[in-house]
C-alpha cells in the first residue's frame, strides 16, 4: 500500500522526499547520535552544551533555504554591521540622546 503526506496547501508529498531532508547520524545508518568528543570540555570551561549536533545543522543549511537564511541573519545580528548615529536634521540632535542610543546599541 502506498502512502503519501497531505499538506495544508492541498498537495501530496511522497514520504521518501522528506527522508532526504531529515537529520540523521552518519555512523553506518544507526539512528543513535554519536557521542560528542567535547562533552567533558563544556563543563570544564563553563560552556553550555549545544542542543543539536552542530555538524548536522551545517548540512541542514544546504538543503533548507529557510534555515540557511535564518543562520545568515543571526550571524549578521551577532557580528553587527556597524552603525553611525547622526541626527536626521542638521544641528537638531542632542548629545544626551546620542549617548543613550550608543549605550543601548553597545549593550545589545
PDB file of N, CA and C in Angstrom:
ATOM      1  N   UNK A   1       0.839  -1.176   0.000  1.00  0.00           N
ATOM      2  CA  UNK A   1       0.000   0.000   0.000  1.00  0.00           C
ATOM      3  C   UNK A   1       0.889   1.246   0.000  1.00  0.00           C
ATOM      4  N   UNK A   2       0.622   2.154  -0.906  1.00  0.00           N
ATOM      5  CA  UNK A   2       1.377   3.398  -0.980  1.00  0.00           C
ATOM      6  C   UNK A   2       0.821   4.391   0.025  1.00  0.00           C
ATOM      7  N   UNK A   3       1.699   5.204   0.568  1.00  0.00           N
ATOM      8  CA  UNK A   3       1.240   6.247   1.489  1.00  0.00           C
ATOM      9  C   UNK A   3       1.826   7.582   1.055  1.00  0.00           C
ATOM     10  N   UNK A   4       1.094   8.625   1.310  1.00  0.00           N
ATOM     11  CA  UNK A   4       1.503   9.983   0.976  1.00  0.00           C
ATOM     12  C   UNK A   4       1.205  10.889   2.155  1.00  0.00           C
ATOM     13  N   UNK A   5       1.841  12.050   2.152  1.00  0.00           N
ATOM     14  CA  UNK A   5       1.573  13.056   3.174  1.00  0.00           C
ATOM     15  C   UNK A   5       0.811  14.183   2.500  1.00  0.00           C
ATOM     16  N   UNK A   6      -0.295  14.556   3.110  1.00  0.00           N
ATOM     17  CA  UNK A   6      -1.157  15.605   2.579  1.00  0.00           C
ATOM     18  C   UNK A   6      -0.829  16.908   3.295  1.00  0.00           C
ATOM     19  N   UNK A   7      -0.405  17.937   2.544  1.00  0.00           N
ATOM     20  CA  UNK A   7      -0.011  19.200   3.159  1.00  0.00           C
ATOM     21  C   UNK A   7      -1.200  20.126   3.323  1.00  0.00           C
ATOM     22  N   UNK A   8      -1.004  21.198   4.074  1.00  0.00           N
ATOM     23  CA  UNK A   8      -2.073  22.171   4.284  1.00  0.00           C
ATOM     24  C   UNK A   8      -2.378  22.982   3.025  1.00  0.00           C
ATOM     25  N   UNK A   9      -1.537  22.866   2.007  1.00  0.00           N
ATOM     26  CA  UNK A   9      -1.783  23.549   0.736  1.00  0.00           C
ATOM     27  C   UNK A   9      -2.465  22.636  -0.284  1.00  0.00           C
ATOM     28  N   UNK A  10      -2.870  21.462   0.171  1.00  0.00           N
ATOM     29  CA  UNK A  10      -3.580  20.548  -0.696  1.00  0.00           C
ATOM     30  C   UNK A  10      -2.700  19.745  -1.632  1.00  0.00           C
ATOM     31  N   UNK A  11      -1.435  19.583  -1.294  1.00  0.00           N
ATOM     32  CA  UNK A  11      -0.504  18.833  -2.133  1.00  0.00           C
ATOM     33  C   UNK A  11      -0.164  17.503  -1.479  1.00  0.00           C
ATOM     34  N   UNK A  12       0.168  16.536  -2.324  1.00  0.00           N
ATOM     35  CA  UNK A  12       0.597  15.233  -1.839  1.00  0.00           C
ATOM     36  C   UNK A  12       2.111  15.130  -1.974  1.00  0.00           C
ATOM     37  N   UNK A  13       2.762  14.646  -0.911  1.00  0.00           N
ATOM     38  CA  UNK A  13       4.212  14.506  -0.889  1.00  0.00           C
ATOM     39  C   UNK A  13       4.556  13.067  -0.557  1.00  0.00           C
ATOM     40  N   UNK A  14       5.432  12.470  -1.355  1.00  0.00           N
ATOM     41  CA  UNK A  14       5.882  11.104  -1.064  1.00  0.00           C
ATOM     42  C   UNK A  14       6.760  11.123   0.177  1.00  0.00           C
ATOM     43  N   UNK A  15       6.658  10.142   1.060  1.00  0.00           N
ATOM     44  CA  UNK A  15       7.491  10.102   2.269  1.00  0.00           C
ATOM     45  C   UNK A  15       8.989  10.076   1.975  1.00  0.00           C
ATOM     46  N   UNK A  16       9.407   9.491   0.867  1.00  0.00           N
ATOM     47  CA  UNK A  16      10.822   9.441   0.511  1.00  0.00           C
ATOM     48  C   UNK A  16      11.432  10.818   0.317  1.00  0.00           C
ATOM     49  N   UNK A  17      10.631  11.759  -0.127  1.00  0.00           N
ATOM     50  CA  UNK A  17      11.106  13.129  -0.322  1.00  0.00           C
ATOM     51  C   UNK A  17      11.536  13.724   1.016  1.00  0.00           C
ATOM     52  N   UNK A  18      10.746  13.487   2.046  1.00  0.00           N
ATOM     53  CA  UNK A  18      11.055  14.044   3.355  1.00  0.00           C
ATOM     54  C   UNK A  18      12.283  13.397   3.983  1.00  0.00           C
ATOM     55  N   UNK A  19      12.560  12.147   3.637  1.00  0.00           N
ATOM     56  CA  UNK A  19      13.700  11.434   4.206  1.00  0.00           C
ATOM     57  C   UNK A  19      15.032  12.109   3.866  1.00  0.00           C
ATOM     58  N   UNK A  20      15.153  12.659   2.662  1.00  0.00           N
ATOM     59  CA  UNK A  20      16.429  13.247   2.287  1.00  0.00           C
ATOM     60  C   UNK A  20      16.703  14.566   3.014  1.00  0.00           C
ATOM     61  N   UNK A  21      15.689  15.139   3.654  1.00  0.00           N
ATOM     62  CA  UNK A  21      15.867  16.365   4.416  1.00  0.00           C
ATOM     63  C   UNK A  21      15.956  16.129   5.924  1.00  0.00           C
ATOM     64  N   UNK A  22      15.889  14.884   6.369  1.00  0.00           N
ATOM     65  CA  UNK A  22      15.948  14.601   7.801  1.00  0.00           C
ATOM     66  C   UNK A  22      17.400  14.605   8.268  1.00  0.00           C
ATOM     67  N   UNK A  23      17.584  14.944   9.527  1.00  0.00           N
ATOM     68  CA  UNK A  23      18.919  14.962  10.110  1.00  0.00           C
ATOM     69  C   UNK A  23      19.146  13.626  10.788  1.00  0.00           C
ATOM     70  N   UNK A  24      20.177  12.929  10.334  1.00  0.00           N
ATOM     71  CA  UNK A  24      20.470  11.615  10.885  1.00  0.00           C
ATOM     72  C   UNK A  24      21.952  11.486  11.171  1.00  0.00           C
ATOM     73  N   UNK A  25      22.263  10.534  11.984  1.00  0.00           N
ATOM     74  CA  UNK A  25      23.651  10.231  12.301  1.00  0.00           C
ATOM     75  C   UNK A  25      24.311   9.607  11.076  1.00  0.00           C
ATOM     76  N   UNK A  26      25.614   9.830  10.924  1.00  0.00           N
ATOM     77  CA  UNK A  26      26.317   9.291   9.761  1.00  0.00           C
ATOM     78  C   UNK A  26      27.097   8.021  10.082  1.00  0.00           C
ATOM     79  N   UNK A  27      26.845   7.384  11.216  1.00  0.00           N
ATOM     80  CA  UNK A  27      27.616   6.191  11.568  1.00  0.00           C
ATOM     81  C   UNK A  27      26.881   4.916  11.154  1.00  0.00           C
ATOM     82  N   UNK A  28      27.091   4.512   9.910  1.00  0.00           N
ATOM     83  CA  UNK A  28      26.569   3.256   9.363  1.00  0.00           C
ATOM     84  C   UNK A  28      25.056   3.108   9.476  1.00  0.00           C
ATOM     85  N   UNK A  29      24.317   4.172   9.287  1.00  0.00           N
ATOM     86  CA  UNK A  29      22.863   4.088   9.282  1.00  0.00           C
ATOM     87  C   UNK A  29      22.228   4.017  10.652  1.00  0.00           C
ATOM     88  N   UNK A  30      23.003   4.040  11.707  1.00  0.00           N
ATOM     89  CA  UNK A  30      22.450   3.979  13.058  1.00  0.00           C
ATOM     90  C   UNK A  30      21.705   5.266  13.361  1.00  0.00           C
ATOM     91  N   UNK A  31      20.595   5.155  14.058  1.00  0.00           N
ATOM     92  CA  UNK A  31      19.823   6.333  14.440  1.00  0.00           C
ATOM     93  C   UNK A  31      20.392   6.975  15.707  1.00  0.00           C
ATOM     94  N   UNK A  32      21.307   6.291  16.362  1.00  0.00           N
ATOM     95  CA  UNK A  32      21.890   6.819  17.589  1.00  0.00           C
ATOM     96  C   UNK A  32      22.872   7.933  17.248  1.00  0.00           C
ATOM     97  N   UNK A  33      22.755   9.042  17.940  1.00  0.00           N
ATOM     98  CA  UNK A  33      23.655  10.162  17.703  1.00  0.00           C
ATOM     99  C   UNK A  33      24.993   9.851  18.366  1.00  0.00           C
ATOM    100  N   UNK A  34      26.103   9.991  17.635  1.00  0.00           N
ATOM    101  CA  UNK A  34      27.404   9.685  18.220  1.00  0.00           C
ATOM    102  C   UNK A  34      27.716  10.644  19.366  1.00  0.00           C
ATOM    103  N   UNK A  35      28.497  10.156  20.298  1.00  0.00           N
ATOM    104  CA  UNK A  35      28.847  10.974  21.462  1.00  0.00           C
ATOM    105  C   UNK A  35      29.732  12.137  21.030  1.00  0.00           C
ATOM    106  N   UNK A  36      29.454  13.286  21.588  1.00  0.00           N
ATOM    107  CA  UNK A  36      30.198  14.492  21.288  1.00  0.00           C
ATOM    108  C   UNK A  36      31.588  14.406  21.915  1.00  0.00           C
ATOM    109  N   UNK A  37      32.654  14.604  21.148  1.00  0.00           N
ATOM    110  CA  UNK A  37      34.010  14.495  21.714  1.00  0.00           C
ATOM    111  C   UNK A  37      34.338  15.616  22.706  1.00  0.00           C
ATOM    112  N   UNK A  38      33.528  16.669  22.744  1.00  0.00           N
ATOM    113  CA  UNK A  38      33.798  17.798  23.622  1.00  0.00           C
ATOM    114  C   UNK A  38      32.936  17.801  24.882  1.00  0.00           C
ATOM    115  N   UNK A  39      32.255  16.697  25.181  1.00  0.00           N
ATOM    116  CA  UNK A  39      31.338  16.642  26.322  1.00  0.00           C
ATOM    117  C   UNK A  39      32.013  17.062  27.624  1.00  0.00           C
ATOM    118  N   UNK A  40      33.209  16.574  27.882  1.00  0.00           N
ATOM    119  CA  UNK A  40      33.890  16.926  29.133  1.00  0.00           C
ATOM    120  C   UNK A  40      34.426  18.358  29.116  1.00  0.00           C
ATOM    121  N   UNK A  41      34.650  18.897  27.942  1.00  0.00           N
ATOM    122  CA  UNK A  41      35.188  20.252  27.819  1.00  0.00           C
ATOM    123  C   UNK A  41      34.145  21.313  28.159  1.00  0.00           C
ATOM    124  N   UNK A  42      32.885  21.067  27.838  1.00  0.00           N
ATOM    125  CA  UNK A  42      31.838  22.063  28.078  1.00  0.00           C
ATOM    126  C   UNK A  42      31.789  22.470  29.545  1.00  0.00           C
ATOM    127  N   UNK A  43      31.643  21.507  30.437  1.00  0.00           N
ATOM    128  CA  UNK A  43      31.522  21.793  31.866  1.00  0.00           C
ATOM    129  C   UNK A  43      32.813  22.396  32.415  1.00  0.00           C
ATOM    130  N   UNK A  44      33.953  21.889  31.975  1.00  0.00           N
ATOM    131  CA  UNK A  44      35.237  22.370  32.478  1.00  0.00           C
ATOM    132  C   UNK A  44      35.465  23.849  32.155  1.00  0.00           C
ATOM    133  N   UNK A  45      34.944  24.277  31.034  1.00  0.00           N
ATOM    134  CA  UNK A  45      35.152  25.668  30.615  1.00  0.00           C
ATOM    135  C   UNK A  45      33.924  26.546  30.816  1.00  0.00           C
ATOM    136  N   UNK A  46      32.885  25.998  31.436  1.00  0.00           N
ATOM    137  CA  UNK A  46      31.682  26.779  31.706  1.00  0.00           C
ATOM    138  C   UNK A  46      30.872  27.098  30.467  1.00  0.00           C
ATOM    139  N   UNK A  47      30.918  26.207  29.482  1.00  0.00           N
ATOM    140  CA  UNK A  47      30.194  26.412  28.223  1.00  0.00           C
ATOM    141  C   UNK A  47      28.929  25.561  28.234  1.00  0.00           C
ATOM    142  N   UNK A  48      27.840  26.129  27.734  1.00  0.00           N
ATOM    143  CA  UNK A  48      26.591  25.388  27.646  1.00  0.00           C
ATOM    144  C   UNK A  48      26.683  24.411  26.485  1.00  0.00           C
ATOM    145  N   UNK A  49      26.323  23.168  26.735  1.00  0.00           N
ATOM    146  CA  UNK A  49      26.375  22.141  25.699  1.00  0.00           C
ATOM    147  C   UNK A  49      25.289  22.411  24.647  1.00  0.00           C
ATOM    148  N   UNK A  50      25.627  22.325  23.351  1.00  0.00           N
ATOM    149  CA  UNK A  50      24.631  22.598  22.308  1.00  0.00           C
ATOM    150  C   UNK A  50      23.493  21.580  22.330  1.00  0.00           C
ATOM    151  N   UNK A  51      22.286  22.045  22.002  1.00  0.00           N
ATOM    152  CA  UNK A  51      21.121  21.160  21.979  1.00  0.00           C
ATOM    153  C   UNK A  51      21.161  20.198  20.805  1.00  0.00           C
ATOM    154  N   UNK A  52      21.723  20.656  19.682  1.00  0.00           N
ATOM    155  CA  UNK A  52      21.747  19.851  18.465  1.00  0.00           C
ATOM    156  C   UNK A  52      23.173  19.692  17.986  1.00  0.00           C
ATOM    157  N   UNK A  53      23.414  18.651  17.214  1.00  0.00           N
ATOM    158  CA  UNK A  53      24.735  18.386  16.667  1.00  0.00           C
ATOM    159  C   UNK A  53      25.089  19.481  15.651  1.00  0.00           C
ATOM    160  N   UNK A  54      26.124  20.295  15.915  1.00  0.00           N
ATOM    161  CA  UNK A  54      26.475  21.393  15.010  1.00  0.00           C
ATOM    162  C   UNK A  54      26.802  20.937  13.587  1.00  0.00           C
ATOM    163  N   UNK A  55      27.416  19.778  13.426  1.00  0.00           N
ATOM    164  CA  UNK A  55      27.744  19.275  12.093  1.00  0.00           C
ATOM    165  C   UNK A  55      26.482  19.021  11.281  1.00  0.00           C
ATOM    166  N   UNK A  56      25.474  18.458  11.918  1.00  0.00           N
ATOM    167  CA  UNK A  56      24.222  18.200  11.213  1.00  0.00           C
ATOM    168  C   UNK A  56      23.487  19.500  10.890  1.00  0.00           C
ATOM    169  N   UNK A  57      23.593  20.489  11.750  1.00  0.00           N
ATOM    170  CA  UNK A  57      22.956  21.778  11.472  1.00  0.00           C
ATOM    171  C   UNK A  57      23.600  22.477  10.285  1.00  0.00           C
ATOM    172  N   UNK A  58      24.902  22.305  10.135  1.00  0.00           N
ATOM    173  CA  UNK A  58      25.589  22.903   8.990  1.00  0.00           C
ATOM    174  C   UNK A  58      25.082  22.283   7.690  1.00  0.00           C
ATOM    175  N   UNK A  59      24.905  20.966   7.671  1.00  0.00           N
ATOM    176  CA  UNK A  59      24.406  20.327   6.451  1.00  0.00           C
ATOM    177  C   UNK A  59      22.962  20.723   6.175  1.00  0.00           C
ATOM    178  N   UNK A  60      22.226  21.053   7.210  1.00  0.00           N
ATOM    179  CA  UNK A  60      20.835  21.479   7.024  1.00  0.00           C
ATOM    180  C   UNK A  60      20.746  22.799   6.265  1.00  0.00           C
ATOM    181  N   UNK A  61      21.756  23.661   6.399  1.00  0.00           N
ATOM    182  CA  UNK A  61      21.733  24.926   5.663  1.00  0.00           C
ATOM    183  C   UNK A  61      21.817  24.713   4.155  1.00  0.00           C
ATOM    184  N   UNK A  62      22.354  23.565   3.745  1.00  0.00           N
ATOM    185  CA  UNK A  62      22.481  23.280   2.317  1.00  0.00           C
ATOM    186  C   UNK A  62      21.181  22.798   1.692  1.00  0.00           C
ATOM    187  N   UNK A  63      20.270  22.258   2.493  1.00  0.00           N
ATOM    188  CA  UNK A  63      19.036  21.712   1.930  1.00  0.00           C
ATOM    189  C   UNK A  63      17.784  22.482   2.337  1.00  0.00           C
ATOM    190  N   UNK A  64      17.903  23.402   3.298  1.00  0.00           N
ATOM    191  CA  UNK A  64      16.733  24.133   3.767  1.00  0.00           C
ATOM    192  C   UNK A  64      16.996  25.626   3.635  1.00  0.00           C
ATOM    193  N   UNK A  65      16.327  26.248   2.690  1.00  0.00           N
ATOM    194  CA  UNK A  65      16.563  27.660   2.404  1.00  0.00           C
ATOM    195  C   UNK A  65      16.161  28.546   3.584  1.00  0.00           C
ATOM    196  N   UNK A  66      15.148  28.161   4.337  1.00  0.00           N
ATOM    197  CA  UNK A  66      14.714  28.958   5.488  1.00  0.00           C
ATOM    198  C   UNK A  66      15.748  28.908   6.612  1.00  0.00           C
ATOM    199  N   UNK A  67      16.281  27.732   6.863  1.00  0.00           N
ATOM    200  CA  UNK A  67      17.319  27.589   7.892  1.00  0.00           C
ATOM    201  C   UNK A  67      18.573  28.358   7.469  1.00  0.00           C
ATOM    202  N   UNK A  68      18.915  28.284   6.194  1.00  0.00           N
ATOM    203  CA  UNK A  68      20.067  28.998   5.669  1.00  0.00           C
ATOM    204  C   UNK A  68      19.913  30.505   5.893  1.00  0.00           C
ATOM    205  N   UNK A  69      18.753  31.031   5.555  1.00  0.00           N
ATOM    206  CA  UNK A  69      18.514  32.465   5.696  1.00  0.00           C
ATOM    207  C   UNK A  69      18.535  32.894   7.166  1.00  0.00           C
ATOM    208  N   UNK A  70      17.973  32.059   8.032  1.00  0.00           N
ATOM    209  CA  UNK A  70      17.981  32.362   9.466  1.00  0.00           C
ATOM    210  C   UNK A  70      19.408  32.399  10.013  1.00  0.00           C
ATOM    211  N   UNK A  71      20.236  31.467   9.577  1.00  0.00           N
ATOM    212  CA  UNK A  71      21.636  31.443  10.026  1.00  0.00           C
ATOM    213  C   UNK A  71      22.377  32.693   9.567  1.00  0.00           C
ATOM    214  N   UNK A  72      22.146  33.097   8.329  1.00  0.00           N
ATOM    215  CA  UNK A  72      22.799  34.300   7.821  1.00  0.00           C
ATOM    216  C   UNK A  72      22.349  35.540   8.587  1.00  0.00           C
ATOM    217  N   UNK A  73      21.055  35.627   8.878  1.00  0.00           N
ATOM    218  CA  UNK A  73      20.535  36.783   9.613  1.00  0.00           C
ATOM    219  C   UNK A  73      21.068  36.811  11.036  1.00  0.00           C
ATOM    220  N   UNK A  74      21.123  35.650  11.672  1.00  0.00           N
ATOM    221  CA  UNK A  74      21.641  35.571  13.044  1.00  0.00           C
ATOM    222  C   UNK A  74      23.110  36.001  13.074  1.00  0.00           C
ATOM    223  N   UNK A  75      23.899  35.556  12.092  1.00  0.00           N
ATOM    224  CA  UNK A  75      25.308  35.943  12.026  1.00  0.00           C
ATOM    225  C   UNK A  75      25.439  37.450  11.851  1.00  0.00           C
ATOM    226  N   UNK A  76      24.593  38.036  11.031  1.00  0.00           N
ATOM    227  CA  UNK A  76      24.621  39.482  10.826  1.00  0.00           C
ATOM    228  C   UNK A  76      24.235  40.213  12.110  1.00  0.00           C
ATOM    229  N   UNK A  77      23.236  39.697  12.814  1.00  0.00           N
ATOM    230  CA  UNK A  77      22.794  40.324  14.061  1.00  0.00           C
ATOM    231  C   UNK A  77      23.869  40.238  15.138  1.00  0.00           C
ATOM    232  N   UNK A  78      24.546  39.095  15.218  1.00  0.00           N
ATOM    233  CA  UNK A  78      25.564  38.890  16.252  1.00  0.00           C
ATOM    234  C   UNK A  78      26.818  39.704  15.932  1.00  0.00           C
ATOM    235  N   UNK A  79      27.285  39.620  14.703  1.00  0.00           N
ATOM    236  CA  UNK A  79      28.519  40.309  14.327  1.00  0.00           C
ATOM    237  C   UNK A  79      28.285  41.803  14.172  1.00  0.00           C
ATOM    238  N   UNK A  80      27.076  42.150  13.781  1.00  0.00           N
ATOM    239  CA  UNK A  80      26.767  43.554  13.567  1.00  0.00           C
ATOM    240  C   UNK A  80      27.359  44.050  12.261  1.00  0.00           C
ATOM    241  N   UNK A  81      26.818  45.122  11.791  1.00  0.00           N
ATOM    242  CA  UNK A  81      27.337  45.688  10.548  1.00  0.00           C
ATOM    243  C   UNK A  81      27.823  47.111  10.769  1.00  0.00           C
ATOM    244  N   UNK A  82      27.990  47.457  12.028  1.00  0.00           N
ATOM    245  CA  UNK A  82      28.441  48.808  12.355  1.00  0.00           C
ATOM    246  C   UNK A  82      27.287  49.796  12.283  1.00  0.00           C
ATOM    247  N   UNK A  83      27.411  50.879  12.983  1.00  0.00           N
ATOM    248  CA  UNK A  83      26.368  51.887  12.939  1.00  0.00           C
ATOM    249  C   UNK A  83      26.970  53.253  13.215  1.00  0.00           C
ATOM    250  N   UNK A  84      26.331  54.265  12.693  1.00  0.00           N
ATOM    251  CA  UNK A  84      26.700  55.653  12.939  1.00  0.00           C
ATOM    252  C   UNK A  84      25.426  56.364  13.347  1.00  0.00           C
ATOM    253  N   UNK A  85      25.468  57.017  14.499  1.00  0.00           N
ATOM    254  CA  UNK A  85      24.291  57.736  14.975  1.00  0.00           C
ATOM    255  C   UNK A  85      24.488  59.209  14.643  1.00  0.00           C
ATOM    256  N   UNK A  86      23.554  59.727  13.846  1.00  0.00           N
ATOM    257  CA  UNK A  86      23.611  61.132  13.488  1.00  0.00           C
ATOM    258  C   UNK A  86      22.193  61.666  13.395  1.00  0.00           C
ATOM    259  N   UNK A  87      21.996  62.936  13.681  1.00  0.00           N
ATOM    260  CA  UNK A  87      20.639  63.496  13.633  1.00  0.00           C
ATOM    261  C   UNK A  87      20.105  63.515  12.202  1.00  0.00           C
ATOM    262  N   UNK A  88      18.781  63.401  12.088  1.00  0.00           N
ATOM    263  CA  UNK A  88      18.171  63.407  10.755  1.00  0.00           C
ATOM    264  C   UNK A  88      18.141  64.811  10.163  1.00  0.00           C
ATOM    265  N   UNK A  89      18.172  65.801  11.002  1.00  0.00           N
ATOM    266  CA  UNK A  89      18.236  67.188  10.511  1.00  0.00           C
ATOM    267  C   UNK A  89      19.467  67.841  11.129  1.00  0.00           C
ATOM    268  N   UNK A  90      20.088  68.719  10.403  1.00  0.00           N
ATOM    269  CA  UNK A  90      21.343  69.339  10.865  1.00  0.00           C
ATOM    270  C   UNK A  90      21.146  70.158  12.140  1.00  0.00           C
ATOM    271  N   UNK A  91      21.976  69.866  13.136  1.00  0.00           N
ATOM    272  CA  UNK A  91      22.001  70.649  14.354  1.00  0.00           C
ATOM    273  C   UNK A  91      20.847  70.437  15.319  1.00  0.00           C
ATOM    274  N   UNK A  92      19.936  69.503  15.048  1.00  0.00           N
ATOM    275  CA  UNK A  92      18.768  69.319  15.901  1.00  0.00           C
ATOM    276  C   UNK A  92      18.935  68.195  16.920  1.00  0.00           C
ATOM    277  N   UNK A  93      20.009  67.411  16.818  1.00  0.00           N
ATOM    278  CA  UNK A  93      20.194  66.288  17.727  1.00  0.00           C
ATOM    279  C   UNK A  93      20.784  66.728  19.056  1.00  0.00           C
ATOM    280  N   UNK A  94      20.476  65.966  20.097  1.00  0.00           N
ATOM    281  CA  UNK A  94      21.014  66.293  21.412  1.00  0.00           C
ATOM    282  C   UNK A  94      22.085  65.274  21.775  1.00  0.00           C
ATOM    283  N   UNK A  95      23.139  65.728  22.409  1.00  0.00           N
ATOM    284  CA  UNK A  95      24.235  64.839  22.813  1.00  0.00           C
ATOM    285  C   UNK A  95      23.758  63.813  23.842  1.00  0.00           C
ATOM    286  N   UNK A  96      22.797  64.194  24.688  1.00  0.00           N
ATOM    287  CA  UNK A  96      22.262  63.269  25.692  1.00  0.00           C
ATOM    288  C   UNK A  96      21.567  62.094  25.007  1.00  0.00           C
ATOM    289  N   UNK A  97      20.734  62.396  24.026  1.00  0.00           N
ATOM    290  CA  UNK A  97      20.031  61.336  23.298  1.00  0.00           C
ATOM    291  C   UNK A  97      21.015  60.462  22.517  1.00  0.00           C
ATOM    292  N   UNK A  98      22.044  61.077  21.956  1.00  0.00           N
ATOM    293  CA  UNK A  98      23.047  60.317  21.215  1.00  0.00           C
ATOM    294  C   UNK A  98      23.753  59.332  22.148  1.00  0.00           C
ATOM    295  N   UNK A  99      24.098  59.782  23.343  1.00  0.00           N
ATOM    296  CA  UNK A  99      24.769  58.919  24.323  1.00  0.00           C
ATOM    297  C   UNK A  99      23.852  57.773  24.733  1.00  0.00           C
ATOM    298  N   UNK A 100      22.559  58.049  24.948  1.00  0.00           N
ATOM    299  CA  UNK A 100      21.592  56.998  25.308  1.00  0.00           C
ATOM    300  C   UNK A 100      21.502  55.944  24.208  1.00  0.00           C
ATOM    301  N   UNK A 101      21.435  56.389  22.956  1.00  0.00           N
ATOM    302  CA  UNK A 101      21.356  55.462  21.827  1.00  0.00           C
ATOM    303  C   UNK A 101      22.630  54.618  21.709  1.00  0.00           C
ATOM    304  N   UNK A 102      23.776  55.241  21.858  1.00  0.00           N
ATOM    305  CA  UNK A 102      25.035  54.495  21.771  1.00  0.00           C
ATOM    306  C   UNK A 102      25.125  53.443  22.867  1.00  0.00           C
ATOM    307  N   UNK A 103      24.732  53.818  24.088  1.00  0.00           N
ATOM    308  CA  UNK A 103      24.733  52.850  25.195  1.00  0.00           C
ATOM    309  C   UNK A 103      23.774  51.697  24.915  1.00  0.00           C
ATOM    310  N   UNK A 104      22.603  52.020  24.361  1.00  0.00           N
ATOM    311  CA  UNK A 104      21.611  50.990  24.056  1.00  0.00           C
ATOM    312  C   UNK A 104      22.164  49.981  23.044  1.00  0.00           C
ATOM    313  N   UNK A 105      22.758  50.462  21.956  1.00  0.00           N
ATOM    314  CA  UNK A 105      23.259  49.561  20.917  1.00  0.00           C
ATOM    315  C   UNK A 105      24.502  48.794  21.361  1.00  0.00           C
ATOM    316  N   UNK A 106      25.324  49.387  22.206  1.00  0.00           N
ATOM    317  CA  UNK A 106      26.513  48.690  22.686  1.00  0.00           C
ATOM    318  C   UNK A 106      26.153  47.548  23.646  1.00  0.00           C
ATOM    319  N   UNK A 107      25.059  47.700  24.363  1.00  0.00           N
ATOM    320  CA  UNK A 107      24.653  46.689  25.339  1.00  0.00           C
ATOM    321  C   UNK A 107      23.724  45.638  24.769  1.00  0.00           C
ATOM    322  N   UNK A 108      23.483  45.621  23.495  1.00  0.00           N
ATOM    323  CA  UNK A 108      22.596  44.640  22.847  1.00  0.00           C
ATOM    324  C   UNK A 108      23.351  43.404  22.525  1.00  0.00           C
TER     325      UNK A 108
END
